Amino acid sequence: MQEFKRNEECMGTVFVFHGRTDHPEFESVLNLACEKLHEADRIFSLYKPESPLSQLARGETSVDKCPPVVDHVWNLCEGWEKVTGGYFSPFTLQHTFDPSGLVKTWAAQAAIDVLLSAGIVDFTLNAAGDIWIGDGVTSDVDWKIGISKPVSIASSEAGVLAVINLKGTEYRALATSGIAERGRHIWNPQSAELANSELVQVSVLAKDLVTADVWATAAFAEGPRALNRIAKQDGVEAMFVFSDGTIDGTDGFAEVLKHSA
C-alpha cells in the first residue's frame, strides 16, 4: 500500500486528499477526481465573469441554456430549502442564484465518487475544513476529527475545542459554519439580514458531506432554535457553540463525544 496526499487548490481554497492505495493508475484517477472540482468551479464560480453562473446572474442567459448540471444543482438547492424550513437558500439578497453553500461539498462528493468507483476506498478528504472519511480507512488516526475553537487560526487563543472519533459510528462527515475566519457572513433567508444570534459556531455530523454542510449553514442562519429542528432529522447531529462559551448539542452528538473519550 502506497500512502498518498494531494493538496488541490480550487474554488479559492484547498482540498486535501489523504490515504493509501495500491491502484496501478492512481495518479490518473486522482487527476480525474480533481477535475470534478475544477469543472464545478468553472461552471458555478461567481468570481469568474465568464462562468455560466456569472452570466446567469447578469441576466445574459437562462437556466435552460446553461450546462444541465446547473438545473440539477438548482433542484438540489430547492429540495434542501424545503427540508431546512427555508433556512438554507441558494438565492442572494439581490435574488440571484448563488449555490456556493452547497457546490463546494457537492463537487467534493463528485470527486470522492471518482475514487470510490475505481476501488480506492482507504482515504479521507478535507474540503476546506469540512471532512469526509471513507468506509475503508485503515488508520485509526484518520477516523479522528478535531473541531477548532471558534476563533481565527491567527489568534493566540486558537486551538482544538474537541476531538471526535467516527470509527464504529454511522457518520462519515463533519462540517462547521461560524464566524471565526470570515465574520458574520451567513444571512438568514427569513429575515433577509445577516444571521446575528448568540451562536458563533455550528458543527454538524452526517453520513455524507453535502448533508453536513447544508445543515451547518442552515442551523447557523436559523440560530439556537435549529437544534430542535436537527434533533428531528435522522442521521444528523449537531454541536452549537455560543458567544459566552457555553456549548449545547443533540443527544447523538453527545454520544459521539462520549464514544471518542
Foldseek 3Di string as FASTA:
>chain_A
DDWDWDWDDAPNATKIKTFDDPPPPVVVLLVVLVVLRRVLCQAQPCVDCPHVLVCVQVVNDDCVPGPVVSVVLVVVQVVLCVLLVNLRHQAALVRGGHSPLQSQQVSNVSSVVSCVVSVNFQIKMQRRNKIFGGPPHDDQVNQKDFDWDLAAPPDPPTDTPAIFGCVPHLWGIKDKDFQHPPHQDQEGRVVSGGQDDQWGMKMKTANGRSVRSRLNSSDSNVDPVCQVSQLPDPRMWMKTAGNVGDIDIHPVVVVRRVVRD
